[in-house]
Amino acid sequence: MRIAIGADHAGFLLKEHLKQTLLRLGHSVDDHGTHSEDAVDYPPICIGVARAVVEGRADRGVVLGGSGQGEQIAANKVPGARAALCNDLYTARLSRQHNDANVLSIGGRIVAFGLADEIVTLWLDTAFEGGRHQRRIDQISEAEKK
């Protein structure tokens, strides 16, 4: 898969770690920044990751910050992005099965590298169930158009 990834300064170290994990798993990685621990604003980075996914330049996106909250909110401002904050395995699995999440948000100050590897791997490997969940995704898409 083609994975767009981006982080602010608080998620930088986790981003660098996850880039290596994703490459080891055989994915290609498009790094949207940041490129150091110097303070930056996360919205342009997360919006860029979400746009890459929605426009088809990436299959999925990963955004990282201190808590992951703001990063998820910013990514979700892009119509067609379904960013999910998943700091545990349960929400990661359900975000894919039920919500067809296409952007994953993780808090770099909350989740250790090992758990982050597990979350990302599970999230990428979990399929959308469709069925009754598709109806709900369609309703969200309709709301974005209005």
N, C-alpha and C. Protein backbone atom coordinates (compact mmCIF):
# COMPACT_ATOMS: atom_id res chain seq x y z
N MET A 1 0.83 -1.18 0.00
CA MET A 1 0.00 0.00 0.00
C MET A 1 0.87 1.25 0.00
N ARG A 2 0.31 2.32 -0.52
CA ARG A 2 0.96 3.63 -0.46
C ARG A 2 0.41 4.34 0.78
N ILE A 3 1.29 4.70 1.70
CA ILE A 3 0.89 5.31 2.96
C ILE A 3 1.44 6.73 3.03
N ALA A 4 0.54 7.70 3.18
CA ALA A 4 0.95 9.08 3.46
C ALA A 4 1.04 9.21 4.97
N ILE A 5 2.10 9.83 5.46
CA ILE A 5 2.29 9.96 6.90
C ILE A 5 2.74 11.37 7.22
N GLY A 6 2.26 11.88 8.35
CA GLY A 6 2.66 13.22 8.78
C GLY A 6 2.51 13.36 10.27
N ALA A 7 3.29 14.27 10.82
CA ALA A 7 3.27 14.48 12.27
C ALA A 7 3.68 15.91 12.58
N ASP A 8 3.26 16.36 13.76
CA ASP A 8 3.83 17.59 14.29
C ASP A 8 5.06 17.23 15.11
N HIS A 9 5.61 18.20 15.80
CA HIS A 9 6.83 17.98 16.58
C HIS A 9 6.65 16.92 17.67
N ALA A 10 5.44 16.85 18.25
CA ALA A 10 5.21 15.87 19.32
C ALA A 10 5.09 14.44 18.79
N GLY A 11 4.76 14.30 17.53
CA GLY A 11 4.65 12.98 16.92
C GLY A 11 5.83 12.61 16.05
N PHE A 12 6.82 13.51 15.96
CA PHE A 12 7.95 13.30 15.05
C PHE A 12 8.68 11.99 15.29
N LEU A 13 9.05 11.70 16.52
CA LEU A 13 9.83 10.48 16.79
C LEU A 13 9.03 9.23 16.45
N LEU A 14 7.73 9.23 16.75
CA LEU A 14 6.90 8.08 16.40
C LEU A 14 6.76 7.97 14.88
N LYS A 15 6.66 9.10 14.19
CA LYS A 15 6.58 9.07 12.72
C LYS A 15 7.83 8.41 12.13
N GLU A 16 8.98 8.82 12.62
CA GLU A 16 10.22 8.26 12.10
C GLU A 16 10.28 6.75 12.36
N HIS A 17 9.84 6.33 13.52
CA HIS A 17 9.80 4.91 13.83
C HIS A 17 8.82 4.17 12.91
N LEU A 18 7.61 4.72 12.77
CA LEU A 18 6.59 4.03 11.96
C LEU A 18 6.95 3.99 10.47
N LYS A 19 7.68 4.98 9.99
CA LYS A 19 8.13 4.92 8.60
C LYS A 19 8.95 3.65 8.37
N GLN A 20 9.83 3.34 9.29
CA GLN A 20 10.65 2.13 9.16
C GLN A 20 9.79 0.87 9.27
N THR A 21 8.83 0.89 10.17
CA THR A 21 7.91 -0.25 10.31
C THR A 21 7.14 -0.48 9.02
N LEU A 22 6.60 0.59 8.46
CA LEU A 22 5.82 0.48 7.22
C LEU A 22 6.67 -0.03 6.07
N LEU A 23 7.88 0.46 5.95
CA LEU A 23 8.78 -0.02 4.89
C LEU A 23 9.10 -1.49 5.08
N ARG A 24 9.35 -1.89 6.34
CA ARG A 24 9.64 -3.30 6.64
C ARG A 24 8.45 -4.18 6.28
N LEU A 25 7.23 -3.66 6.41
CA LEU A 25 6.03 -4.42 6.06
C LEU A 25 5.75 -4.42 4.56
N GLY A 26 6.57 -3.72 3.79
CA GLY A 26 6.44 -3.74 2.34
C GLY A 26 5.62 -2.60 1.75
N HIS A 27 5.28 -1.61 2.54
CA HIS A 27 4.50 -0.47 2.05
C HIS A 27 5.43 0.63 1.56
N SER A 28 4.92 1.49 0.68
CA SER A 28 5.67 2.69 0.32
C SER A 28 5.17 3.83 1.21
N VAL A 29 6.06 4.76 1.51
CA VAL A 29 5.76 5.83 2.47
C VAL A 29 6.01 7.18 1.83
N ASP A 30 5.03 8.07 1.95
CA ASP A 30 5.13 9.46 1.49
C ASP A 30 5.10 10.33 2.74
N ASP A 31 6.24 10.88 3.11
CA ASP A 31 6.39 11.66 4.34
C ASP A 31 6.00 13.12 4.09
N HIS A 32 4.95 13.56 4.76
CA HIS A 32 4.46 14.93 4.64
C HIS A 32 5.04 15.85 5.72
N GLY A 33 6.01 15.37 6.48
CA GLY A 33 6.63 16.20 7.51
C GLY A 33 5.99 15.98 8.86
N THR A 34 6.43 16.63 9.80
CA THR A 34 7.55 17.51 9.94
C THR A 34 8.84 16.70 9.95
N HIS A 35 9.95 17.40 9.88
CA HIS A 35 11.23 16.71 9.74
C HIS A 35 12.17 16.95 10.90
N SER A 36 11.61 17.41 12.03
CA SER A 36 12.42 17.60 13.24
C SER A 36 11.46 17.75 14.43
N GLU A 37 12.03 17.92 15.59
CA GLU A 37 11.23 18.13 16.79
C GLU A 37 10.98 19.62 17.06
N ASP A 38 11.34 20.48 16.11
CA ASP A 38 11.04 21.91 16.24
C ASP A 38 9.54 22.11 16.13
N ALA A 39 9.00 23.02 16.94
CA ALA A 39 7.55 23.26 16.98
C ALA A 39 7.01 23.68 15.62
N VAL A 40 5.91 23.04 15.23
CA VAL A 40 5.20 23.37 13.99
C VAL A 40 3.70 23.28 14.25
N ASP A 41 2.93 23.86 13.34
CA ASP A 41 1.48 23.74 13.38
C ASP A 41 1.09 22.48 12.62
N TYR A 42 0.25 21.66 13.24
CA TYR A 42 -0.12 20.38 12.64
C TYR A 42 -1.21 20.45 11.56
N PRO A 43 -2.12 21.44 11.55
CA PRO A 43 -3.21 21.36 10.57
C PRO A 43 -2.77 21.21 9.11
N PRO A 44 -1.82 22.02 8.60
CA PRO A 44 -1.45 21.84 7.19
C PRO A 44 -0.88 20.45 6.88
N ILE A 45 -0.15 19.90 7.82
CA ILE A 45 0.44 18.57 7.62
C ILE A 45 -0.65 17.51 7.55
N CYS A 46 -1.58 17.54 8.50
CA CYS A 46 -2.64 16.53 8.56
C CYS A 46 -3.62 16.68 7.41
N ILE A 47 -3.90 17.90 7.03
CA ILE A 47 -4.77 18.14 5.88
C ILE A 47 -4.10 17.63 4.61
N GLY A 48 -2.79 17.82 4.50
CA GLY A 48 -2.05 17.31 3.34
C GLY A 48 -2.10 15.80 3.25
N VAL A 49 -1.96 15.11 4.39
CA VAL A 49 -2.06 13.65 4.41
C VAL A 49 -3.45 13.21 3.98
N ALA A 50 -4.48 13.84 4.54
CA ALA A 50 -5.86 13.47 4.20
C ALA A 50 -6.15 13.73 2.73
N ARG A 51 -5.68 14.84 2.20
CA ARG A 51 -5.89 15.12 0.76
C ARG A 51 -5.21 14.08 -0.11
N ALA A 52 -4.02 13.65 0.27
CA ALA A 52 -3.32 12.62 -0.51
C ALA A 52 -4.17 11.36 -0.58
N VAL A 53 -4.83 11.00 0.50
CA VAL A 53 -5.68 9.80 0.52
C VAL A 53 -6.93 10.03 -0.33
N VAL A 54 -7.62 11.10 -0.09
CA VAL A 54 -8.88 11.37 -0.79
C VAL A 54 -8.66 11.53 -2.30
N GLU A 55 -7.54 12.13 -2.67
CA GLU A 55 -7.24 12.34 -4.10
C GLU A 55 -6.61 11.11 -4.76
N GLY A 56 -6.39 10.04 -4.00
CA GLY A 56 -5.89 8.80 -4.58
C GLY A 56 -4.38 8.72 -4.73
N ARG A 57 -3.65 9.67 -4.17
CA ARG A 57 -2.18 9.61 -4.23
C ARG A 57 -1.63 8.69 -3.17
N ALA A 58 -2.48 8.32 -2.20
CA ALA A 58 -2.11 7.36 -1.16
C ALA A 58 -3.33 6.48 -0.90
N ASP A 59 -3.07 5.25 -0.48
CA ASP A 59 -4.17 4.34 -0.15
C ASP A 59 -4.72 4.61 1.24
N ARG A 60 -3.83 4.94 2.16
CA ARG A 60 -4.22 5.27 3.53
C ARG A 60 -3.27 6.33 4.06
N GLY A 61 -3.70 6.95 5.17
CA GLY A 61 -2.88 7.97 5.80
C GLY A 61 -2.72 7.72 7.28
N VAL A 62 -1.62 8.23 7.82
CA VAL A 62 -1.34 8.16 9.26
C VAL A 62 -0.90 9.54 9.70
N VAL A 63 -1.56 10.08 10.75
CA VAL A 63 -1.19 11.37 11.31
C VAL A 63 -0.88 11.19 12.79
N LEU A 64 0.13 11.91 13.25
CA LEU A 64 0.64 11.72 14.61
C LEU A 64 0.88 13.05 15.29
N GLY A 65 0.52 13.11 16.55
CA GLY A 65 0.78 14.30 17.35
C GLY A 65 0.96 13.89 18.79
N GLY A 66 0.82 14.83 19.70
CA GLY A 66 0.95 14.51 21.11
C GLY A 66 -0.14 13.57 21.58
N SER A 67 -1.38 13.98 21.39
CA SER A 67 -2.52 13.12 21.76
C SER A 67 -3.17 12.48 20.56
N GLY A 68 -2.99 13.07 19.39
CA GLY A 68 -3.66 12.60 18.18
C GLY A 68 -5.01 13.26 17.96
N GLN A 69 -5.51 13.98 18.95
CA GLN A 69 -6.84 14.59 18.87
C GLN A 69 -6.92 15.66 17.78
N GLY A 70 -6.05 16.65 17.88
CA GLY A 70 -6.07 17.74 16.90
C GLY A 70 -5.77 17.26 15.50
N GLU A 71 -4.88 16.29 15.41
CA GLU A 71 -4.51 15.75 14.10
C GLU A 71 -5.70 15.08 13.44
N GLN A 72 -6.47 14.33 14.21
CA GLN A 72 -7.68 13.70 13.70
C GLN A 72 -8.68 14.75 13.25
N ILE A 73 -8.89 15.77 14.06
CA ILE A 73 -9.84 16.82 13.73
C ILE A 73 -9.44 17.51 12.43
N ALA A 74 -8.16 17.87 12.30
CA ALA A 74 -7.70 18.54 11.09
C ALA A 74 -7.89 17.66 9.85
N ALA A 75 -7.50 16.40 9.94
CA ALA A 75 -7.65 15.49 8.80
C ALA A 75 -9.11 15.34 8.40
N ASN A 76 -10.00 15.33 9.37
CA ASN A 76 -11.43 15.16 9.07
C ASN A 76 -12.08 16.38 8.44
N LYS A 77 -11.36 17.48 8.31
CA LYS A 77 -11.89 18.65 7.61
C LYS A 77 -11.84 18.47 6.10
N VAL A 78 -11.14 17.45 5.63
CA VAL A 78 -11.06 17.17 4.19
C VAL A 78 -12.22 16.25 3.83
N PRO A 79 -13.14 16.72 2.97
CA PRO A 79 -14.27 15.86 2.58
C PRO A 79 -13.77 14.53 2.00
N GLY A 80 -14.32 13.46 2.51
CA GLY A 80 -13.92 12.13 2.08
C GLY A 80 -12.93 11.47 3.02
N ALA A 81 -12.31 12.26 3.89
CA ALA A 81 -11.40 11.68 4.89
C ALA A 81 -12.24 11.15 6.05
N ARG A 82 -11.86 9.98 6.51
CA ARG A 82 -12.48 9.40 7.70
C ARG A 82 -11.34 9.03 8.65
N ALA A 83 -10.91 10.05 9.40
CA ALA A 83 -9.78 9.87 10.31
C ALA A 83 -10.28 9.38 11.66
N ALA A 84 -9.59 8.39 12.19
CA ALA A 84 -9.96 7.78 13.47
C ALA A 84 -8.79 7.85 14.43
N LEU A 85 -9.06 8.35 15.63
CA LEU A 85 -8.06 8.36 16.69
C LEU A 85 -8.05 6.99 17.35
N CYS A 86 -6.94 6.29 17.23
CA CYS A 86 -6.85 4.92 17.74
C CYS A 86 -5.57 4.76 18.54
N ASN A 87 -5.71 4.87 19.84
CA ASN A 87 -4.57 4.67 20.72
C ASN A 87 -4.59 3.29 21.35
N ASP A 88 -5.41 2.38 20.80
CA ASP A 88 -5.49 1.01 21.27
C ASP A 88 -5.92 0.11 20.11
N LEU A 89 -5.78 -1.19 20.29
CA LEU A 89 -6.07 -2.15 19.22
C LEU A 89 -7.57 -2.26 18.93
N TYR A 90 -8.40 -2.16 19.95
CA TYR A 90 -9.84 -2.32 19.76
C TYR A 90 -10.40 -1.24 18.84
N THR A 91 -10.07 0.03 19.13
CA THR A 91 -10.59 1.10 18.29
C THR A 91 -9.98 1.05 16.89
N ALA A 92 -8.74 0.60 16.78
CA ALA A 92 -8.11 0.47 15.46
C ALA A 92 -8.89 -0.53 14.60
N ARG A 93 -9.19 -1.67 15.17
CA ARG A 93 -9.93 -2.69 14.42
C ARG A 93 -11.32 -2.20 14.03
N LEU A 94 -12.05 -1.64 14.99
CA LEU A 94 -13.41 -1.19 14.69
C LEU A 94 -13.44 0.00 13.74
N SER A 95 -12.43 0.84 13.79
CA SER A 95 -12.41 1.99 12.87
C SER A 95 -12.35 1.54 11.42
N ARG A 96 -11.74 0.41 11.19
CA ARG A 96 -11.69 -0.14 9.82
C ARG A 96 -12.94 -0.96 9.53
N GLN A 97 -13.31 -1.87 10.43
CA GLN A 97 -14.45 -2.75 10.18
C GLN A 97 -15.76 -1.99 10.01
N HIS A 98 -16.00 -1.02 10.88
CA HIS A 98 -17.31 -0.35 10.92
C HIS A 98 -17.31 1.02 10.25
N ASN A 99 -16.17 1.72 10.25
CA ASN A 99 -16.15 3.10 9.77
C ASN A 99 -15.34 3.29 8.49
N ASP A 100 -14.71 2.25 7.99
CA ASP A 100 -13.87 2.34 6.81
C ASP A 100 -12.90 3.51 6.91
N ALA A 101 -12.31 3.69 8.09
CA ALA A 101 -11.36 4.79 8.31
C ALA A 101 -10.23 4.69 7.29
N ASN A 102 -9.90 5.84 6.70
CA ASN A 102 -8.81 5.86 5.73
C ASN A 102 -7.60 6.66 6.22
N VAL A 103 -7.75 7.29 7.38
CA VAL A 103 -6.63 7.99 8.03
C VAL A 103 -6.62 7.56 9.49
N LEU A 104 -5.47 7.15 9.96
CA LEU A 104 -5.27 6.73 11.34
C LEU A 104 -4.54 7.83 12.10
N SER A 105 -5.04 8.18 13.27
CA SER A 105 -4.38 9.15 14.13
C SER A 105 -3.95 8.45 15.42
N ILE A 106 -2.72 8.73 15.85
CA ILE A 106 -2.18 8.15 17.07
C ILE A 106 -1.46 9.25 17.86
N GLY A 107 -1.58 9.17 19.17
CA GLY A 107 -0.88 10.11 20.04
C GLY A 107 0.51 9.64 20.39
N GLY A 108 1.50 10.36 19.93
CA GLY A 108 2.89 9.99 20.18
C GLY A 108 3.31 10.12 21.63
N ARG A 109 2.57 10.90 22.41
CA ARG A 109 2.88 11.02 23.84
C ARG A 109 2.07 10.04 24.67
N ILE A 110 1.26 9.23 23.99
CA ILE A 110 0.38 8.28 24.67
C ILE A 110 0.77 6.84 24.37
N VAL A 111 1.14 6.57 23.13
CA VAL A 111 1.36 5.21 22.65
C VAL A 111 2.85 4.96 22.43
N ALA A 112 3.36 3.89 23.04
CA ALA A 112 4.76 3.50 22.87
C ALA A 112 4.97 2.87 21.49
N PHE A 113 6.20 2.83 21.05
CA PHE A 113 6.52 2.33 19.71
C PHE A 113 5.97 0.93 19.45
N GLY A 114 6.13 0.02 20.38
CA GLY A 114 5.68 -1.36 20.17
C GLY A 114 4.19 -1.45 19.94
N LEU A 115 3.41 -0.77 20.77
CA LEU A 115 1.96 -0.77 20.59
C LEU A 115 1.58 -0.06 19.31
N ALA A 116 2.27 1.02 18.98
CA ALA A 116 1.98 1.74 17.73
C ALA A 116 2.20 0.81 16.53
N ASP A 117 3.25 0.00 16.56
CA ASP A 117 3.47 -0.97 15.48
C ASP A 117 2.29 -1.92 15.35
N GLU A 118 1.80 -2.40 16.50
CA GLU A 118 0.65 -3.32 16.49
C GLU A 118 -0.60 -2.63 15.97
N ILE A 119 -0.84 -1.40 16.39
CA ILE A 119 -2.02 -0.65 15.95
C ILE A 119 -1.99 -0.46 14.44
N VAL A 120 -0.87 0.02 13.93
CA VAL A 120 -0.74 0.29 12.49
C VAL A 120 -0.90 -1.00 11.69
N THR A 121 -0.26 -2.06 12.11
CA THR A 121 -0.35 -3.33 11.40
C THR A 121 -1.78 -3.85 11.37
N LEU A 122 -2.44 -3.86 12.51
CA LEU A 122 -3.83 -4.30 12.59
C LEU A 122 -4.72 -3.42 11.73
N TRP A 123 -4.54 -2.12 11.82
CA TRP A 123 -5.37 -1.16 11.07
C TRP A 123 -5.22 -1.36 9.57
N LEU A 124 -4.01 -1.58 9.11
CA LEU A 124 -3.79 -1.78 7.67
C LEU A 124 -4.32 -3.13 7.20
N ASP A 125 -4.31 -4.12 8.07
CA ASP A 125 -4.74 -5.47 7.69
C ASP A 125 -6.24 -5.72 7.84
N THR A 126 -6.96 -4.81 8.49
CA THR A 126 -8.38 -5.02 8.76
C THR A 126 -9.22 -4.47 7.62
N ALA A 127 -10.14 -5.29 7.12
CA ALA A 127 -11.02 -4.90 6.02
C ALA A 127 -12.30 -4.25 6.55
N PHE A 128 -12.88 -3.41 5.73
CA PHE A 128 -14.19 -2.82 6.00
C PHE A 128 -15.25 -3.90 5.80
N GLU A 129 -16.18 -4.00 6.74
CA GLU A 129 -17.22 -5.04 6.66
C GLU A 129 -18.34 -4.71 5.69
N GLY A 130 -18.53 -3.44 5.37
CA GLY A 130 -19.62 -3.07 4.48
C GLY A 130 -20.98 -3.30 5.13
N GLY A 131 -21.94 -3.79 4.36
CA GLY A 131 -23.26 -4.09 4.89
C GLY A 131 -23.90 -2.88 5.52
N ARG A 132 -24.43 -3.05 6.72
CA ARG A 132 -25.14 -1.96 7.40
C ARG A 132 -24.22 -0.76 7.64
N HIS A 133 -22.93 -1.00 7.72
CA HIS A 133 -21.98 0.08 7.95
C HIS A 133 -21.84 0.97 6.72
N GLN A 134 -22.00 0.40 5.53
CA GLN A 134 -21.91 1.20 4.30
C GLN A 134 -22.99 2.27 4.26
N ARG A 135 -24.16 1.93 4.72
CA ARG A 135 -25.28 2.90 4.75
C ARG A 135 -24.87 4.11 5.59
N ARG A 136 -24.19 3.88 6.67
CA ARG A 136 -23.78 4.97 7.56
C ARG A 136 -22.66 5.81 6.94
N ILE A 137 -21.75 5.16 6.27
CA ILE A 137 -20.69 5.89 5.56
C ILE A 137 -21.32 6.76 4.49
N ASP A 138 -22.31 6.24 3.78
CA ASP A 138 -23.01 7.01 2.75
C ASP A 138 -23.70 8.23 3.36
N GLN A 139 -24.26 8.09 4.55
CA GLN A 139 -24.91 9.22 5.21
C GLN A 139 -23.90 10.30 5.57
N ILE A 140 -22.74 9.90 6.00
CA ILE A 140 -21.68 10.86 6.30
C ILE A 140 -21.26 11.57 5.03
N SER A 141 -21.10 10.83 3.95
CA SER A 141 -20.70 11.42 2.67
C SER A 141 -21.74 12.43 2.19
N GLU A 142 -22.99 12.13 2.35
CA GLU A 142 -24.07 13.05 1.98
C GLU A 142 -24.00 14.33 2.79
N ALA A 143 -23.74 14.21 4.07
CA ALA A 143 -23.63 15.39 4.93
C ALA A 143 -22.48 16.28 4.50
N GLU A 144 -21.38 15.70 4.02
CA GLU A 144 -20.23 16.48 3.57
C GLU A 144 -20.57 17.30 2.33
N LYS A 145 -21.51 16.86 1.54
CA LYS A 145 -21.87 17.54 0.31
C LYS A 145 -22.75 18.76 0.56
N LYS A 146 -23.35 18.84 1.74
CA LYS A 146 -24.31 19.93 2.03
C LYS A 146 -23.62 21.10 2.70
